[in-house]
N, C-alpha and C. Protein backbone atom coordinates (compact mmCIF):
# COMPACT_ATOMS: atom_id res chain seq x y z
N MET A 1 103.90 177.65 84.48
CA MET A 1 102.38 176.97 84.42
C MET A 1 101.40 178.43 84.21
N ARG A 2 100.35 178.08 83.08
CA ARG A 2 99.70 179.30 82.94
C ARG A 2 100.07 180.59 82.80
N HIS A 3 101.24 181.13 81.90
CA HIS A 3 101.89 181.96 82.01
C HIS A 3 100.91 182.55 80.86
N GLY A 4 101.03 184.07 80.66
CA GLY A 4 99.93 184.90 80.11
C GLY A 4 98.64 184.72 80.55
N LEU A 5 98.02 184.33 81.03
CA LEU A 5 96.51 184.43 81.66
C LEU A 5 96.30 185.33 82.47
N THR A 6 95.25 186.04 82.65
CA THR A 6 94.60 187.36 83.37
C THR A 6 94.41 186.49 84.81
N LEU A 7 94.31 187.38 85.75
CA LEU A 7 94.13 186.68 86.99
C LEU A 7 92.86 186.31 87.00
N ASN A 8 91.74 186.63 86.48
CA ASN A 8 90.39 185.91 86.42
C ASN A 8 90.56 184.44 85.56
N GLU A 9 91.40 184.83 84.28
CA GLU A 9 91.38 183.44 83.45
C GLU A 9 91.98 182.37 84.46
N ARG A 10 93.22 182.91 85.26
CA ARG A 10 93.78 181.64 86.15
C ARG A 10 92.87 180.79 87.16
N LEU A 11 91.97 181.91 87.73
CA LEU A 11 91.02 181.48 88.58
C LEU A 11 89.89 180.86 87.87
N ARG A 12 89.54 181.01 86.67
CA ARG A 12 88.62 180.25 85.90
C ARG A 12 89.10 178.82 85.68
N VAL A 13 90.17 178.86 84.93
CA VAL A 13 90.74 177.77 84.65
C VAL A 13 90.76 176.45 85.74
N SER A 14 91.31 177.13 86.96
CA SER A 14 91.50 176.43 88.24
C SER A 14 90.12 175.97 88.54
N GLY A 15 88.93 176.65 88.48
CA GLY A 15 87.83 176.29 88.90
C GLY A 15 88.02 176.97 90.60
N LEU A 16 88.36 177.79 90.20
CA LEU A 16 88.57 179.00 91.92
C LEU A 16 87.65 180.05 92.18
N VAL A 17 87.24 180.65 90.82
CA VAL A 17 86.24 182.02 91.00
C VAL A 17 85.40 182.41 92.29
N GLU A 18 84.82 181.16 92.69
CA GLU A 18 83.77 181.33 93.62
C GLU A 18 84.49 181.56 94.81
N LYS A 19 85.40 180.20 94.98
CA LYS A 19 86.30 180.74 96.58
C LYS A 19 87.13 182.04 97.03
N PHE A 20 87.43 182.34 95.41
CA PHE A 20 88.51 183.35 95.86
C PHE A 20 87.20 184.78 95.76
N ASP A 21 86.17 184.70 94.91
CA ASP A 21 85.33 185.84 95.56
C ASP A 21 84.84 185.89 96.88
N ALA A 22 84.73 184.57 97.59
CA ALA A 22 84.37 184.31 98.85
C ALA A 22 85.37 185.07 100.23
N ALA A 23 86.51 184.70 99.70
CA ALA A 23 87.52 184.93 100.36
C ALA A 23 87.83 186.51 100.32
N ILE A 24 87.59 187.08 99.26
CA ILE A 24 87.53 188.62 99.23
C ILE A 24 86.40 189.20 99.83
N ALA A 25 85.12 188.59 99.46
CA ALA A 25 84.24 189.10 100.26
C ALA A 25 84.26 189.17 101.67
N ALA A 26 84.75 188.19 102.10
CA ALA A 26 85.47 188.13 103.68
C ALA A 26 86.45 188.83 104.11
N SER A 27 86.87 189.39 103.19
CA SER A 27 88.50 190.16 103.67
C SER A 27 89.44 189.18 103.95
N ASP A 28 88.83 187.99 103.70
CA ASP A 28 90.25 186.93 104.33
C ASP A 28 91.62 187.02 103.43
N GLN A 29 92.25 187.59 103.68
CA GLN A 29 93.79 187.89 102.79
C GLN A 29 94.71 186.57 102.64
N ALA A 30 94.44 185.78 103.93
CA ALA A 30 95.40 184.68 103.79
C ALA A 30 94.63 183.58 102.83
N GLU A 31 93.14 183.38 102.85
CA GLU A 31 92.65 182.33 101.96
C GLU A 31 92.91 182.82 100.52
N ALA A 32 92.59 183.73 100.21
CA ALA A 32 92.93 184.71 98.88
C ALA A 32 93.85 184.39 98.51
N VAL A 33 95.27 184.59 99.15
CA VAL A 33 96.50 184.21 98.84
C VAL A 33 96.60 182.85 98.60
N LYS A 34 96.42 181.98 99.58
CA LYS A 34 96.42 180.58 99.03
C LYS A 34 95.70 180.13 97.69
N LEU A 35 94.67 180.74 97.68
CA LEU A 35 94.12 180.46 96.33
C LEU A 35 95.01 180.94 95.19
N LEU A 36 95.00 182.02 95.07
CA LEU A 36 96.01 182.52 93.89
C LEU A 36 97.27 181.64 93.87
N ILE A 37 97.91 181.29 94.91
CA ILE A 37 99.17 180.42 94.63
C ILE A 37 98.62 179.13 93.78
N LYS A 38 97.60 178.68 94.43
CA LYS A 38 97.12 177.30 93.73
C LYS A 38 97.13 177.91 92.03
N THR A 39 96.75 178.72 91.39
CA THR A 39 96.74 179.29 89.97
C THR A 39 98.56 179.08 89.41
N GLY A 40 99.27 179.45 90.33
CA GLY A 40 100.14 179.57 89.84
C GLY A 40 101.22 180.68 90.19
N LEU A 41 100.59 181.78 90.84
CA LEU A 41 100.90 182.91 91.04
C LEU A 41 102.31 182.46 92.28
N ARG A 42 103.25 183.21 92.28
CA ARG A 42 104.04 183.28 93.43
C ARG A 42 103.70 184.03 94.51
N LYS A 43 104.13 183.55 95.75
CA LYS A 43 103.46 184.27 96.94
C LYS A 43 103.62 185.88 96.78
N PRO A 44 104.63 186.56 96.56
CA PRO A 44 104.90 187.84 96.89
C PRO A 44 103.52 188.33 95.76
N GLU A 45 103.86 187.74 94.35
CA GLU A 45 102.59 187.90 93.53
C GLU A 45 101.34 188.07 94.07
N ALA A 46 100.91 187.23 94.70
CA ALA A 46 99.53 186.55 95.18
C ALA A 46 99.18 187.79 96.31
N GLU A 47 100.04 188.10 96.94
CA GLU A 47 100.27 188.83 98.03
C GLU A 47 99.93 190.36 97.63
N ASP A 48 100.62 190.97 96.71
CA ASP A 48 100.57 192.06 96.08
C ASP A 48 98.79 192.28 95.69
N LYS A 49 98.65 191.25 94.85
CA LYS A 49 97.18 191.52 94.16
C LYS A 49 96.03 191.40 95.21
N VAL A 50 96.09 190.57 96.36
CA VAL A 50 95.29 190.35 97.01
C VAL A 50 95.20 191.68 97.75
N ASN A 51 96.21 192.67 98.09
CA ASN A 51 96.11 193.65 99.11
C ASN A 51 95.72 194.67 98.40
N ASN A 52 96.14 194.89 96.75
CA ASN A 52 95.34 195.66 96.08
C ASN A 52 94.24 195.63 96.11
N ILE A 53 93.47 194.69 96.01
CA ILE A 53 92.20 194.14 95.79
C ILE A 53 91.26 194.62 96.82
N LEU A 54 91.92 194.16 98.16
CA LEU A 54 91.16 194.32 99.33
C LEU A 54 91.21 196.28 99.69
N ALA A 55 92.41 196.84 99.10
CA ALA A 55 92.28 197.99 99.66
C ALA A 55 91.38 198.78 98.72
N ASP A 56 90.58 198.28 97.56
CA ASP A 56 89.57 198.96 96.76
C ASP A 56 89.19 197.97 96.30
N PRO A 57 88.22 196.88 96.71
CA PRO A 57 87.35 196.51 96.15
C PRO A 57 86.70 196.69 95.18
N LYS A 58 86.00 198.04 95.06
CA LYS A 58 85.29 198.45 93.98
C LYS A 58 86.21 198.60 92.94
N ALA A 59 86.95 199.06 93.04
CA ALA A 59 88.11 199.23 91.78
C ALA A 59 88.02 197.86 90.64
N TYR A 60 88.00 196.76 91.68
CA TYR A 60 88.02 195.49 90.82
C TYR A 60 86.78 194.62 90.98
N GLY A 61 85.44 195.24 90.98
CA GLY A 61 84.23 194.92 90.63
C GLY A 61 83.59 194.17 91.97
N TYR A 62 84.21 194.43 93.36
CA TYR A 62 83.64 193.57 94.29
C TYR A 62 82.99 194.59 94.78
N GLY A 63 81.68 194.36 95.75
CA GLY A 63 80.95 195.00 96.37
C GLY A 63 80.25 195.88 95.84
N GLN A 64 79.97 195.96 94.64
CA GLN A 64 78.75 196.72 93.63
C GLN A 64 77.79 196.55 93.99
C-alpha cells in the first residue's frame, strides 16, 4: 500500500498531515506512530521515523 511515496506524500494522501503535525508539536510519540501506521508503514518503521523527528524536530521543519 502506497509504496514509493515519501512520508509527507503518505500523510497528505491519507489526510493526516495536520494530525501528525499536531502530534509532533505535542511530542506525542504514540499518536504520531499510530498515524504513520495508518499510512501503511509498519510499526518499527513508524517508530523509527517518529523517534528521529522528535530527536531533532528542527531538522525536519518543525519548531522553526
